Amino acid sequence: MKMRFLGNTGVLVSELCFGAMTFGGRGYWKTVGEVEQKDADQLVNAAIDGGINFFDTADVYSEGRAEEILGKALGSKRKDVVLATKVRGRVGPGPNDVGLSRLHIIESCNASLKRLGTDYIDLYQVHNFDPYTPVEETLRALDDLVRQGKVRYIGASNFAGWQLMKALHISEKQNLEKFVTLQSYYSLVCRDLENEMIPLSLDQKLGILVWSPLGGGFLTGKYRRGQDRPKDSRLSDPDSRFLRFDEEKAYDIVDELDKIAKNHKATVAQAALNYLLRKPAVSSVIIGAKKLEQLADNLKTTDWEMTDEEVKELDKLSEPTSVYPYWMQKANSRDRV
């Protein structure tokens, strides 16, 4: 397993990050997995044995159960890994059980520490932007947690470009801890991140952490044009899907991934993950295996590297529709070279 720096920090993390969203299976998260302690122990141990040293979860996953299960699964190996979790979502019925206020952040951090069975969180991420709380309040609360030793680094997730840049500016102006990572959705069926967030991350030296790199499972190879959908899959009912994309275009991408995978004696899923590891600013790609065989397959992703020609072919097939002002900026940039 190869290692990369976590954004602009000196911390090295594995190219693949193990996501614990499938642990617990409560409430809304029941649809993505019901992995309980015994199976979680096996998955976490297999991930560590496979070279993964980076684990990601959130307080809202399965109403806190995911953090509890992950903490127990790590056990004495906690000190050997980089552990990330998140804050922002609703965790209770009260009016202040949600958001990025100082009150909610501090309460949530203490609760996450307890559930994870640890004294510190390596990377504490705000799960989404909170339009109702001043950014200064959020950043100062996070800065306090770092100074108290409860948190080592802070990151953002699902931010728009202006929101992230505003936060970075405030941190610099007020000498507060800065976000070092951005966790975002990025895959061959959705490359919107390339419009603004990847250029921003390169400019500001943030590390991209990719969630749902397989497009909700579509890029695993089990969805093929003209074939019935697997009955037990999250994409069985198109009307209930969380992620939306052009399926006809996605089928063409899967066909090309299949060709590339065969060239490397690999699988479609490995090829989809491998493609993202060739993209700039990416620190780590988050995988969410529910079974040992899935994890074993994903771990082989870093055993080989896609060629430049293969990347270019996938770039061409998956090219997103250009939106304003990016198409104009791209056209005008040709005047400079």
C-alpha atoms as a PDB file:
ATOM      1  CA  MET A   1       0.000   0.000   0.000  1.00  0.00           C
ATOM      2  CA  LYS A   2       1.444   3.340  -1.048  1.00  0.00           C
ATOM      3  CA  MET A   3       1.272   6.376   1.241  1.00  0.00           C
ATOM      4  CA  ARG A   4       0.499  10.024   0.509  1.00  0.00           C
ATOM      5  CA  PHE A   5       0.652  13.182   2.582  1.00  0.00           C
ATOM      6  CA  LEU A   6      -2.623  14.292   4.128  1.00  0.00           C
ATOM      7  CA  GLY A   7      -2.994  17.610   2.363  1.00  0.00           C
ATOM      8  CA  ASN A   8      -0.216  20.015   3.342  1.00  0.00           C
ATOM      9  CA  THR A   9       0.544  18.226   6.618  1.00  0.00           C
ATOM     10  CA  GLY A  10       3.459  15.942   7.399  1.00  0.00           C
ATOM     11  CA  VAL A  11       1.082  13.045   8.114  1.00  0.00           C
ATOM     12  CA  LEU A  12       1.215  10.061   5.768  1.00  0.00           C
ATOM     13  CA  VAL A  13      -1.993   8.165   5.027  1.00  0.00           C
ATOM     14  CA  SER A  14      -2.713   5.156   2.854  1.00  0.00           C
ATOM     15  CA  GLU A  15      -3.948   5.802  -0.699  1.00  0.00           C
ATOM     16  CA  LEU A  16      -7.080   3.931   0.277  1.00  0.00           C
ATOM     17  CA  CYS A  17      -9.078   4.947   3.351  1.00  0.00           C
ATOM     18  CA  PHE A  18     -11.502   2.535   5.012  1.00  0.00           C
ATOM     19  CA  GLY A  19     -14.926   4.136   5.431  1.00  0.00           C
ATOM     20  CA  ALA A  20     -17.123   2.820   8.249  1.00  0.00           C
ATOM     21  CA  MET A  21     -20.436   4.108   6.906  1.00  0.00           C
ATOM     22  CA  THR A  22     -21.603   0.489   6.510  1.00  0.00           C
ATOM     23  CA  PHE A  23     -21.213  -0.239  10.227  1.00  0.00           C
ATOM     24  CA  GLY A  24     -24.275  -0.420  12.469  1.00  0.00           C
ATOM     25  CA  GLY A  25     -27.196  -0.383  10.042  1.00  0.00           C
ATOM     26  CA  ARG A  26     -29.550   1.938  11.923  1.00  0.00           C
ATOM     27  CA  GLY A  27     -32.082   4.441  10.622  1.00  0.00           C
ATOM     28  CA  TYR A  28     -31.268   6.054   7.261  1.00  0.00           C
ATOM     29  CA  TRP A  29     -27.906   4.251   7.096  1.00  0.00           C
ATOM     30  CA  LYS A  30     -29.530   0.824   7.177  1.00  0.00           C
ATOM     31  CA  THR A  31     -29.722   0.977   3.387  1.00  0.00           C
ATOM     32  CA  VAL A  32     -25.929   1.141   2.997  1.00  0.00           C
ATOM     33  CA  GLY A  33     -25.007  -1.706   5.318  1.00  0.00           C
ATOM     34  CA  GLU A  34     -25.656  -3.563   8.543  1.00  0.00           C
ATOM     35  CA  VAL A  35     -22.136  -4.657   9.480  1.00  0.00           C
ATOM     36  CA  GLU A  36     -22.035  -5.594  13.164  1.00  0.00           C
ATOM     37  CA  GLN A  37     -19.091  -5.964  15.537  1.00  0.00           C
ATOM     38  CA  LYS A  38     -17.835  -9.430  14.617  1.00  0.00           C
ATOM     39  CA  ASP A  39     -17.701  -8.714  10.887  1.00  0.00           C
ATOM     40  CA  ALA A  40     -16.378  -5.199  11.511  1.00  0.00           C
ATOM     41  CA  ASP A  41     -13.484  -6.638  13.536  1.00  0.00           C
ATOM     42  CA  GLN A  42     -12.555  -8.876  10.606  1.00  0.00           C
ATOM     43  CA  LEU A  43     -12.809  -6.061   8.063  1.00  0.00           C
ATOM     44  CA  VAL A  44     -10.753  -3.605  10.119  1.00  0.00           C
ATOM     45  CA  ASN A  45      -8.040  -6.183  10.826  1.00  0.00           C
ATOM     46  CA  ALA A  46      -7.912  -7.176   7.142  1.00  0.00           C
ATOM     47  CA  ALA A  47      -7.674  -3.510   6.134  1.00  0.00           C
ATOM     48  CA  ILE A  48      -4.765  -2.903   8.518  1.00  0.00           C
ATOM     49  CA  ASP A  49      -3.051  -6.113   7.379  1.00  0.00           C
ATOM     50  CA  GLY A  50      -3.494  -4.866   3.799  1.00  0.00           C
ATOM     51  CA  GLY A  51      -1.635  -1.647   4.568  1.00  0.00           C
ATOM     52  CA  ILE A  52      -4.510   0.753   5.293  1.00  0.00           C
ATOM     53  CA  ASN A  53      -3.749   3.165   8.134  1.00  0.00           C
ATOM     54  CA  PHE A  54      -6.585   5.648   7.531  1.00  0.00           C
ATOM     55  CA  PHE A  55     -10.168   5.187   8.792  1.00  0.00           C
ATOM     56  CA  ASP A  56     -13.137   7.516   8.322  1.00  0.00           C
ATOM     57  CA  THR A  57     -16.540   7.674   9.992  1.00  0.00           C
ATOM     58  CA  ALA A  58     -19.109  10.245  11.220  1.00  0.00           C
ATOM     59  CA  ASP A  59     -21.266  10.822  14.281  1.00  0.00           C
ATOM     60  CA  VAL A  60     -24.475  10.539  12.224  1.00  0.00           C
ATOM     61  CA  TYR A  61     -23.682   7.123  10.710  1.00  0.00           C
ATOM     62  CA  SER A  62     -26.183   4.683  12.205  1.00  0.00           C
ATOM     63  CA  GLU A  63     -26.958   7.122  15.031  1.00  0.00           C
ATOM     64  CA  GLY A  64     -23.458   6.828  16.506  1.00  0.00           C
ATOM     65  CA  ARG A  65     -23.213   3.042  16.235  1.00  0.00           C
ATOM     66  CA  ALA A  66     -20.637   3.247  13.429  1.00  0.00           C
ATOM     67  CA  GLU A  67     -18.235   5.148  15.685  1.00  0.00           C
ATOM     68  CA  GLU A  68     -18.759   2.689  18.545  1.00  0.00           C
ATOM     69  CA  ILE A  69     -18.160  -0.339  16.335  1.00  0.00           C
ATOM     70  CA  LEU A  70     -15.096   1.180  14.652  1.00  0.00           C
ATOM     71  CA  GLY A  71     -13.582   2.184  17.992  1.00  0.00           C
ATOM     72  CA  LYS A  72     -13.947  -1.326  19.374  1.00  0.00           C
ATOM     73  CA  ALA A  73     -12.651  -2.896  16.157  1.00  0.00           C
ATOM     74  CA  LEU A  74      -9.503  -0.755  16.261  1.00  0.00           C
ATOM     75  CA  GLY A  75      -8.869  -1.512  19.943  1.00  0.00           C
ATOM     76  CA  SER A  76      -5.167  -1.417  20.778  1.00  0.00           C
ATOM     77  CA  LYS A  77      -4.326  -0.621  17.150  1.00  0.00           C
ATOM     78  CA  ARG A  78      -5.852   2.830  17.520  1.00  0.00           C
ATOM     79  CA  LYS A  79      -2.423   4.429  18.021  1.00  0.00           C
ATOM     80  CA  ASP A  80      -1.200   3.010  14.706  1.00  0.00           C
ATOM     81  CA  VAL A  81      -3.884   4.592  12.517  1.00  0.00           C
ATOM     82  CA  VAL A  82      -5.135   7.995  11.428  1.00  0.00           C
ATOM     83  CA  LEU A  83      -8.738   8.274  12.599  1.00  0.00           C
ATOM     84  CA  ALA A  84     -11.227  10.716  11.083  1.00  0.00           C
ATOM     85  CA  THR A  85     -14.805  11.532  11.988  1.00  0.00           C
ATOM     86  CA  LYS A  86     -17.282  14.340  11.294  1.00  0.00           C
ATOM     87  CA  VAL A  87     -19.698  16.792  12.916  1.00  0.00           C
ATOM     88  CA  ARG A  88     -22.673  18.798  11.602  1.00  0.00           C
ATOM     89  CA  GLY A  89     -25.650  16.453  11.169  1.00  0.00           C
ATOM     90  CA  ARG A  90     -28.576  15.970  13.535  1.00  0.00           C
ATOM     91  CA  VAL A  91     -27.741  13.617  16.411  1.00  0.00           C
ATOM     92  CA  GLY A  92     -30.785  14.174  18.629  1.00  0.00           C
ATOM     93  CA  PRO A  93     -34.248  15.784  18.821  1.00  0.00           C
ATOM     94  CA  GLY A  94     -33.144  19.009  20.506  1.00  0.00           C
ATOM     95  CA  PRO A  95     -32.908  22.361  18.693  1.00  0.00           C
ATOM     96  CA  ASN A  96     -29.126  22.459  19.214  1.00  0.00           C
ATOM     97  CA  ASP A  97     -28.443  18.819  18.291  1.00  0.00           C
ATOM     98  CA  VAL A  98     -27.412  19.875  14.789  1.00  0.00           C
ATOM     99  CA  GLY A  99     -25.191  22.428  13.049  1.00  0.00           C
ATOM    100  CA  LEU A 100     -21.772  23.973  13.524  1.00  0.00           C
ATOM    101  CA  SER A 101     -22.305  26.171  16.574  1.00  0.00           C
ATOM    102  CA  ARG A 102     -19.662  26.147  19.320  1.00  0.00           C
ATOM    103  CA  LEU A 103     -22.195  24.403  21.561  1.00  0.00           C
ATOM    104  CA  HIS A 104     -22.882  21.568  19.106  1.00  0.00           C
ATOM    105  CA  ILE A 105     -19.271  21.100  17.991  1.00  0.00           C
ATOM    106  CA  ILE A 106     -17.894  20.748  21.534  1.00  0.00           C
ATOM    107  CA  GLU A 107     -20.718  18.456  22.677  1.00  0.00           C
ATOM    108  CA  SER A 108     -20.390  16.337  19.534  1.00  0.00           C
ATOM    109  CA  CYS A 109     -16.625  16.066  19.794  1.00  0.00           C
ATOM    110  CA  ASN A 110     -16.815  14.831  23.386  1.00  0.00           C
ATOM    111  CA  ALA A 111     -19.518  12.322  22.406  1.00  0.00           C
ATOM    112  CA  SER A 112     -17.466  11.059  19.439  1.00  0.00           C
ATOM    113  CA  LEU A 113     -14.367  10.636  21.610  1.00  0.00           C
ATOM    114  CA  LYS A 114     -16.382   8.534  24.037  1.00  0.00           C
ATOM    115  CA  ARG A 115     -17.953   6.369  21.324  1.00  0.00           C
ATOM    116  CA  LEU A 116     -14.627   5.860  19.547  1.00  0.00           C
ATOM    117  CA  GLY A 117     -12.893   5.003  22.828  1.00  0.00           C
ATOM    118  CA  THR A 118     -10.029   7.426  22.202  1.00  0.00           C
ATOM    119  CA  ASP A 119      -8.537  10.592  23.703  1.00  0.00           C
ATOM    120  CA  TYR A 120      -8.063  12.379  20.397  1.00  0.00           C
ATOM    121  CA  ILE A 121      -9.364  12.556  16.821  1.00  0.00           C
ATOM    122  CA  ASP A 122      -6.697  12.844  14.135  1.00  0.00           C
ATOM    123  CA  LEU A 123      -8.922  14.570  11.559  1.00  0.00           C
ATOM    124  CA  TYR A 124     -12.156  16.255  12.653  1.00  0.00           C
ATOM    125  CA  GLN A 125     -14.261  17.267   9.665  1.00  0.00           C
ATOM    126  CA  VAL A 126     -17.297  19.505   9.360  1.00  0.00           C
ATOM    127  CA  HIS A 127     -19.736  17.342   7.396  1.00  0.00           C
ATOM    128  CA  ASN A 128     -21.390  20.165   5.467  1.00  0.00           C
ATOM    129  CA  PHE A 129     -21.698  23.950   5.463  1.00  0.00           C
ATOM    130  CA  ASP A 130     -23.956  25.538   8.093  1.00  0.00           C
ATOM    131  CA  PRO A 131     -25.532  28.751   6.756  1.00  0.00           C
ATOM    132  CA  TYR A 132     -26.989  29.628  10.174  1.00  0.00           C
ATOM    133  CA  THR A 133     -23.731  29.792  12.130  1.00  0.00           C
ATOM    134  CA  PRO A 134     -20.996  32.393  11.578  1.00  0.00           C
ATOM    135  CA  VAL A 135     -17.933  30.703  10.082  1.00  0.00           C
ATOM    136  CA  GLU A 136     -15.778  32.482  12.699  1.00  0.00           C
ATOM    137  CA  GLU A 137     -17.690  30.737  15.507  1.00  0.00           C
ATOM    138  CA  THR A 138     -17.176  27.323  13.900  1.00  0.00           C
ATOM    139  CA  LEU A 139     -13.477  27.836  13.244  1.00  0.00           C
ATOM    140  CA  ARG A 140     -12.746  29.190  16.727  1.00  0.00           C
ATOM    141  CA  ALA A 141     -14.470  26.190  18.335  1.00  0.00           C
ATOM    142  CA  LEU A 142     -12.418  23.836  16.152  1.00  0.00           C
ATOM    143  CA  ASP A 143      -9.255  25.778  16.957  1.00  0.00           C
ATOM    144  CA  ASP A 144      -9.985  25.405  20.669  1.00  0.00           C
ATOM    145  CA  LEU A 145     -10.352  21.635  20.269  1.00  0.00           C
ATOM    146  CA  VAL A 146      -6.963  21.462  18.567  1.00  0.00           C
ATOM    147  CA  ARG A 147      -5.340  23.538  21.313  1.00  0.00           C
ATOM    148  CA  GLN A 148      -6.920  21.266  23.938  1.00  0.00           C
ATOM    149  CA  GLY A 149      -5.394  18.199  22.257  1.00  0.00           C
ATOM    150  CA  LYS A 150      -8.755  16.605  21.472  1.00  0.00           C
ATOM    151  CA  VAL A 151      -8.272  17.111  17.723  1.00  0.00           C
ATOM    152  CA  ARG A 152      -5.059  17.059  15.656  1.00  0.00           C
ATOM    153  CA  TYR A 153      -6.239  18.441  12.287  1.00  0.00           C
ATOM    154  CA  ILE A 154      -9.477  19.811  10.846  1.00  0.00           C
ATOM    155  CA  GLY A 155     -11.141  19.289   7.479  1.00  0.00           C
ATOM    156  CA  ALA A 156     -14.216  20.302   5.496  1.00  0.00           C
ATOM    157  CA  SER A 157     -16.676  18.187   3.544  1.00  0.00           C
ATOM    158  CA  ASN A 158     -19.240  18.981   0.838  1.00  0.00           C
ATOM    159  CA  PHE A 159     -18.376  22.684   0.733  1.00  0.00           C
ATOM    160  CA  ALA A 160     -18.817  24.976  -2.256  1.00  0.00           C
ATOM    161  CA  GLY A 161     -15.786  26.907  -3.463  1.00  0.00           C
ATOM    162  CA  TRP A 162     -16.739  30.274  -1.945  1.00  0.00           C
ATOM    163  CA  GLN A 163     -17.572  28.665   1.395  1.00  0.00           C
ATOM    164  CA  LEU A 164     -14.238  26.897   1.632  1.00  0.00           C
ATOM    165  CA  MET A 165     -12.214  29.913   0.483  1.00  0.00           C
ATOM    166  CA  LYS A 166     -14.017  32.153   2.981  1.00  0.00           C
ATOM    167  CA  ALA A 167     -13.177  29.745   5.798  1.00  0.00           C
ATOM    168  CA  LEU A 168      -9.516  29.539   4.782  1.00  0.00           C
ATOM    169  CA  HIS A 169      -9.278  33.343   4.635  1.00  0.00           C
ATOM    170  CA  ILE A 170     -10.827  33.752   8.093  1.00  0.00           C
ATOM    171  CA  SER A 171      -8.450  31.162   9.541  1.00  0.00           C
ATOM    172  CA  GLU A 172      -5.448  32.960   8.081  1.00  0.00           C
ATOM    173  CA  LYS A 173      -6.650  36.418   9.111  1.00  0.00           C
ATOM    174  CA  GLN A 174      -7.458  35.405  12.699  1.00  0.00           C
ATOM    175  CA  ASN A 175      -4.566  32.934  13.124  1.00  0.00           C
ATOM    176  CA  LEU A 176      -6.886  29.944  13.598  1.00  0.00           C
ATOM    177  CA  GLU A 177      -6.396  26.339  12.553  1.00  0.00           C
ATOM    178  CA  LYS A 178      -6.987  25.851   8.820  1.00  0.00           C
ATOM    179  CA  PHE A 179      -8.830  23.079   7.042  1.00  0.00           C
ATOM    180  CA  VAL A 180      -6.223  20.696   5.607  1.00  0.00           C
ATOM    181  CA  THR A 181      -8.571  18.427   3.652  1.00  0.00           C
ATOM    182  CA  LEU A 182     -11.771  18.479   1.643  1.00  0.00           C
ATOM    183  CA  GLN A 183     -13.895  15.332   1.590  1.00  0.00           C
ATOM    184  CA  SER A 184     -16.053  15.360  -1.544  1.00  0.00           C
ATOM    185  CA  TYR A 185     -17.958  13.194  -3.981  1.00  0.00           C
ATOM    186  CA  TYR A 186     -15.805  12.396  -7.018  1.00  0.00           C
ATOM    187  CA  SER A 187     -16.063   9.583  -9.536  1.00  0.00           C
ATOM    188  CA  LEU A 188     -16.038   8.806 -13.249  1.00  0.00           C
ATOM    189  CA  VAL A 189     -19.799   9.449 -13.329  1.00  0.00           C
ATOM    190  CA  CYS A 190     -19.471  12.818 -11.578  1.00  0.00           C
ATOM    191  CA  ARG A 191     -16.399  14.967 -12.215  1.00  0.00           C
ATOM    192  CA  ASP A 192     -17.989  18.269 -11.138  1.00  0.00           C
ATOM    193  CA  LEU A 193     -15.211  18.655  -8.564  1.00  0.00           C
ATOM    194  CA  GLU A 194     -12.808  19.493 -11.386  1.00  0.00           C
ATOM    195  CA  ASN A 195     -14.574  22.797 -12.140  1.00  0.00           C
ATOM    196  CA  GLU A 196     -13.627  24.574  -8.942  1.00  0.00           C
ATOM    197  CA  MET A 197     -12.741  22.429  -5.949  1.00  0.00           C
ATOM    198  CA  ILE A 198      -9.704  20.634  -7.358  1.00  0.00           C
ATOM    199  CA  PRO A 199      -8.115  23.866  -8.678  1.00  0.00           C
ATOM    200  CA  LEU A 200      -8.877  25.467  -5.287  1.00  0.00           C
ATOM    201  CA  SER A 201      -7.377  22.521  -3.410  1.00  0.00           C
ATOM    202  CA  LEU A 202      -4.229  22.586  -5.534  1.00  0.00           C
ATOM    203  CA  ASP A 203      -3.873  26.335  -5.030  1.00  0.00           C
ATOM    204  CA  GLN A 204      -4.441  26.155  -1.257  1.00  0.00           C
ATOM    205  CA  LYS A 205      -2.639  22.815  -0.823  1.00  0.00           C
ATOM    206  CA  LEU A 206      -5.616  20.902   0.566  1.00  0.00           C
ATOM    207  CA  GLY A 207      -5.873  17.134   0.218  1.00  0.00           C
ATOM    208  CA  ILE A 208      -8.975  15.723  -1.466  1.00  0.00           C
ATOM    209  CA  LEU A 209     -10.596  12.744   0.278  1.00  0.00           C
ATOM    210  CA  VAL A 210     -12.935  11.044  -2.171  1.00  0.00           C
ATOM    211  CA  TRP A 211     -16.279   9.617  -1.049  1.00  0.00           C
ATOM    212  CA  SER A 212     -18.397   7.283  -3.195  1.00  0.00           C
ATOM    213  CA  PRO A 213     -15.614   6.726  -5.766  1.00  0.00           C
ATOM    214  CA  LEU A 214     -17.653   3.921  -7.361  1.00  0.00           C
ATOM    215  CA  GLY A 215     -20.707   6.074  -8.013  1.00  0.00           C
ATOM    216  CA  GLY A 216     -22.892   4.381  -5.424  1.00  0.00           C
ATOM    217  CA  GLY A 217     -21.778   0.960  -6.701  1.00  0.00           C
ATOM    218  CA  PHE A 218     -22.491   1.522 -10.401  1.00  0.00           C
ATOM    219  CA  LEU A 219     -18.789   1.358 -11.259  1.00  0.00           C
ATOM    220  CA  THR A 220     -18.210  -2.016  -9.604  1.00  0.00           C
ATOM    221  CA  GLY A 221     -18.997  -3.888 -12.825  1.00  0.00           C
ATOM    222  CA  LYS A 222     -22.183  -5.538 -11.587  1.00  0.00           C
ATOM    223  CA  TYR A 223     -24.354  -3.126 -13.600  1.00  0.00           C
ATOM    224  CA  ARG A 224     -24.248  -3.816 -17.336  1.00  0.00           C
ATOM    225  CA  ARG A 225     -26.240  -2.530 -20.267  1.00  0.00           C
ATOM    226  CA  GLY A 226     -29.142  -4.830 -21.124  1.00  0.00           C
ATOM    227  CA  GLN A 227     -28.846  -6.908 -17.942  1.00  0.00           C
ATOM    228  CA  ASP A 228     -31.156  -7.039 -14.918  1.00  0.00           C
ATOM    229  CA  ARG A 229     -30.014  -5.087 -11.873  1.00  0.00           C
ATOM    230  CA  PRO A 230     -28.922  -7.048  -8.803  1.00  0.00           C
ATOM    231  CA  LYS A 231     -31.967  -7.264  -6.510  1.00  0.00           C
ATOM    232  CA  ASP A 232     -30.107  -6.570  -3.283  1.00  0.00           C
ATOM    233  CA  SER A 233     -28.350  -3.455  -4.524  1.00  0.00           C
ATOM    234  CA  ARG A 234     -28.776   0.200  -3.569  1.00  0.00           C
ATOM    235  CA  LEU A 235     -29.400   1.072  -7.221  1.00  0.00           C
ATOM    236  CA  SER A 236     -32.165  -1.480  -7.750  1.00  0.00           C
ATOM    237  CA  ASP A 237     -34.805   1.246  -7.531  1.00  0.00           C
ATOM    238  CA  PRO A 238     -33.758   4.173  -9.769  1.00  0.00           C
ATOM    239  CA  ASP A 239     -36.337   6.461  -8.130  1.00  0.00           C
ATOM    240  CA  SER A 240     -34.784   6.119  -4.663  1.00  0.00           C
ATOM    241  CA  ARG A 241     -31.197   6.746  -5.671  1.00  0.00           C
ATOM    242  CA  PHE A 242     -29.171   9.334  -3.774  1.00  0.00           C
ATOM    243  CA  LEU A 243     -26.643   9.866  -6.593  1.00  0.00           C
ATOM    244  CA  ARG A 244     -27.929  10.850 -10.027  1.00  0.00           C
ATOM    245  CA  PHE A 245     -26.053  10.565 -13.320  1.00  0.00           C
ATOM    246  CA  ASP A 246     -26.468   9.746 -17.019  1.00  0.00           C
ATOM    247  CA  GLU A 247     -26.728   5.954 -17.033  1.00  0.00           C
ATOM    248  CA  GLU A 248     -26.166   5.520 -20.763  1.00  0.00           C
ATOM    249  CA  LYS A 249     -22.922   7.436 -20.483  1.00  0.00           C
ATOM    250  CA  ALA A 250     -22.057   5.461 -17.347  1.00  0.00           C
ATOM    251  CA  TYR A 251     -22.510   2.155 -19.213  1.00  0.00           C
ATOM    252  CA  ASP A 252     -19.963   3.326 -21.804  1.00  0.00           C
ATOM    253  CA  ILE A 253     -17.561   4.147 -18.982  1.00  0.00           C
ATOM    254  CA  VAL A 254     -18.048   0.701 -17.429  1.00  0.00           C
ATOM    255  CA  ASP A 255     -17.323  -0.941 -20.796  1.00  0.00           C
ATOM    256  CA  GLU A 256     -14.065   0.992 -21.069  1.00  0.00           C
ATOM    257  CA  LEU A 257     -13.151   0.204 -17.457  1.00  0.00           C
ATOM    258  CA  ASP A 258     -13.708  -3.462 -18.246  1.00  0.00           C
ATOM    259  CA  LYS A 259     -11.248  -3.292 -21.165  1.00  0.00           C
ATOM    260  CA  ILE A 260      -8.643  -1.502 -19.044  1.00  0.00           C
ATOM    261  CA  ALA A 261      -9.118  -3.918 -16.142  1.00  0.00           C
ATOM    262  CA  LYS A 262      -8.503  -6.914 -18.428  1.00  0.00           C
ATOM    263  CA  ASN A 263      -5.267  -5.302 -19.649  1.00  0.00           C
ATOM    264  CA  HIS A 264      -4.023  -5.299 -16.053  1.00  0.00           C
ATOM    265  CA  LYS A 265      -5.643  -8.557 -14.883  1.00  0.00           C
ATOM    266  CA  ALA A 266      -7.751  -6.461 -12.544  1.00  0.00           C
ATOM    267  CA  THR A 267     -11.442  -5.767 -11.921  1.00  0.00           C
ATOM    268  CA  VAL A 268     -13.756  -2.961 -12.998  1.00  0.00           C
ATOM    269  CA  ALA A 269     -13.923  -1.629  -9.433  1.00  0.00           C
ATOM    270  CA  GLN A 270     -10.133  -1.550  -9.161  1.00  0.00           C
ATOM    271  CA  ALA A 271      -9.904   0.357 -12.436  1.00  0.00           C
ATOM    272  CA  ALA A 272     -12.452   2.963 -11.287  1.00  0.00           C
ATOM    273  CA  LEU A 273     -10.507   3.511  -8.051  1.00  0.00           C
ATOM    274  CA  ASN A 274      -7.157   3.487  -9.846  1.00  0.00           C
ATOM    275  CA  TYR A 275      -8.320   6.274 -12.155  1.00  0.00           C
ATOM    276  CA  LEU A 276      -9.029   8.581  -9.198  1.00  0.00           C
ATOM    277  CA  LEU A 277      -5.595   7.900  -7.716  1.00  0.00           C
ATOM    278  CA  ARG A 278      -4.105   9.354 -10.906  1.00  0.00           C
ATOM    279  CA  LYS A 279      -5.909  12.658 -10.377  1.00  0.00           C
ATOM    280  CA  PRO A 280      -4.212  15.731  -8.842  1.00  0.00           C
ATOM    281  CA  ALA A 281      -4.833  16.827  -5.229  1.00  0.00           C
ATOM    282  CA  VAL A 282      -6.232  13.420  -4.180  1.00  0.00           C
ATOM    283  CA  SER A 283      -4.783  12.358  -0.811  1.00  0.00           C
ATOM    284  CA  SER A 284      -6.894   9.238  -0.326  1.00  0.00           C
ATOM    285  CA  VAL A 285      -9.897   7.420  -1.788  1.00  0.00           C
ATOM    286  CA  ILE A 286     -12.481   6.141   0.698  1.00  0.00           C
ATOM    287  CA  ILE A 287     -13.734   2.590   0.202  1.00  0.00           C
ATOM    288  CA  GLY A 288     -16.690   1.059   2.044  1.00  0.00           C
ATOM    289  CA  ALA A 289     -16.532  -2.713   1.879  1.00  0.00           C
ATOM    290  CA  LYS A 290     -19.225  -4.810   3.560  1.00  0.00           C
ATOM    291  CA  LYS A 291     -17.567  -8.162   2.853  1.00  0.00           C
ATOM    292  CA  LEU A 292     -13.998  -9.433   3.095  1.00  0.00           C
ATOM    293  CA  GLU A 293     -13.912 -10.358  -0.597  1.00  0.00           C
ATOM    294  CA  GLN A 294     -14.894  -6.805  -1.542  1.00  0.00           C
ATOM    295  CA  LEU A 295     -12.135  -5.410   0.641  1.00  0.00           C
ATOM    296  CA  ALA A 296      -9.580  -7.872  -0.745  1.00  0.00           C
ATOM    297  CA  ASP A 297     -10.448  -6.786  -4.277  1.00  0.00           C
ATOM    298  CA  ASN A 298     -10.232  -3.067  -3.431  1.00  0.00           C
ATOM    299  CA  LEU A 299      -6.848  -3.528  -1.753  1.00  0.00           C
ATOM    300  CA  LYS A 300      -5.364  -4.751  -5.043  1.00  0.00           C
ATOM    301  CA  THR A 301      -6.096  -1.346  -6.596  1.00  0.00           C
ATOM    302  CA  THR A 302      -2.706  -0.011  -5.548  1.00  0.00           C
ATOM    303  CA  ASP A 303      -0.801  -2.999  -6.971  1.00  0.00           C
ATOM    304  CA  TRP A 304      -0.900  -1.521 -10.478  1.00  0.00           C
ATOM    305  CA  GLU A 305      -1.141   1.827 -12.237  1.00  0.00           C
ATOM    306  CA  MET A 306      -3.292   2.913 -15.157  1.00  0.00           C
ATOM    307  CA  THR A 307      -1.353   4.208 -18.173  1.00  0.00           C
ATOM    308  CA  ASP A 308      -1.565   7.825 -19.345  1.00  0.00           C
ATOM    309  CA  GLU A 309      -3.384   6.687 -22.481  1.00  0.00           C
ATOM    310  CA  GLU A 310      -5.985   4.782 -20.459  1.00  0.00           C
ATOM    311  CA  VAL A 311      -6.569   7.803 -18.224  1.00  0.00           C
ATOM    312  CA  LYS A 312      -7.010  10.022 -21.292  1.00  0.00           C
ATOM    313  CA  GLU A 313      -9.545   7.637 -22.814  1.00  0.00           C
ATOM    314  CA  LEU A 314     -11.586   7.638 -19.616  1.00  0.00           C
ATOM    315  CA  ASP A 315     -11.267  11.425 -19.405  1.00  0.00           C
ATOM    316  CA  LYS A 316     -12.757  11.687 -22.880  1.00  0.00           C
ATOM    317  CA  LEU A 317     -15.615   9.262 -22.191  1.00  0.00           C
ATOM    318  CA  SER A 318     -16.564  10.830 -18.860  1.00  0.00           C
ATOM    319  CA  GLU A 319     -16.029  14.506 -19.710  1.00  0.00           C
ATOM    320  CA  PRO A 320     -18.707  16.555 -17.945  1.00  0.00           C
ATOM    321  CA  THR A 321     -20.697  19.308 -19.585  1.00  0.00           C
ATOM    322  CA  SER A 322     -18.822  22.553 -19.116  1.00  0.00           C
ATOM    323  CA  VAL A 323     -20.729  25.276 -17.265  1.00  0.00           C
ATOM    324  CA  TYR A 324     -20.230  29.026 -17.152  1.00  0.00           C
ATOM    325  CA  PRO A 325     -17.837  30.643 -16.381  1.00  0.00           C
ATOM    326  CA  TYR A 326     -15.478  27.678 -16.797  1.00  0.00           C
ATOM    327  CA  TRP A 327     -16.006  27.207 -20.535  1.00  0.00           C
ATOM    328  CA  MET A 328     -15.220  30.882 -21.115  1.00  0.00           C
ATOM    329  CA  GLN A 329     -12.148  30.798 -18.874  1.00  0.00           C
ATOM    330  CA  LYS A 330     -10.911  27.678 -20.637  1.00  0.00           C
ATOM    331  CA  ALA A 331     -11.352  29.315 -24.048  1.00  0.00           C
ATOM    332  CA  ASN A 332      -9.570  32.492 -22.948  1.00  0.00           C
ATOM    333  CA  SER A 333      -6.700  30.579 -21.348  1.00  0.00           C
ATOM    334  CA  ARG A 334      -5.549  29.547 -24.823  1.00  0.00           C
ATOM    335  CA  ASP A 335      -4.583  33.193 -25.452  1.00  0.00           C
ATOM    336  CA  ARG A 336      -1.848  32.855 -22.831  1.00  0.00           C
ATOM    337  CA  VAL A 337       0.111  29.997 -24.424  1.00  0.00           C
END
